[in-house]
């Protein structure tokens, strides 16, 4: 009987791994802690964002196309289309972190936010001391940037973090392509997990993470 039960368990695990009835976004790592100032010169910390899905990008207001590839247009499109995402009641915040504090003062960030039509209650623009920014952006989020005589060299990247402060998706030229449709789809996947990962359903989601049943 014991062998029979073990056999059924193994068959069930194989079936789950092969057919992947539940798909999830991977739990990649913890997002870094931070305390930075926003466009209203108010301190925002990572703890203030607990319980929300947060989409981050990293840039500077002096970034000018076509020589500089900014992700702000993608952020703006996601912001305008948030009503399309069913997040299971979890609020969504957008956070843009500038790595050029010398020029991107709170006043400059506030003016820039206005040009993008950003509601400060939903989309925050942050900056801080250079050493702190390097720790948060470079070491914490793993995003490359470097000051050059002609501006900044950097890797255009967006990062999606869940309500527990865990990185669930990274969008860059090296991984998942930055695209508003893809990001909105992933917000829906996170929303489904929140809605369905209760009671016995939680076991299914833990199994999905265990067997790497990742949503594309």
Foldseek 3Di string as FASTA:
>chain_A
DVVVVVVVVVVVLVCCLVVVPAAAFAQDFFFDWDWWAWLVRHTDIVVVQAQAKEKEWEEAPPADPDVGDACVVLVLVLVVCVVVAQQQPGHYAYEYEYLCCVPCPSPNRVVVCVVSVHDCVRYIYTYDDNVRCCCNVCVRVVWDWDADPVGIDTWTKMWIAHNRRTTRDIDTPVDNPRHNVVVRVNSNSNSVCVVQCDDPSVVSVVSCNVSVNHDD
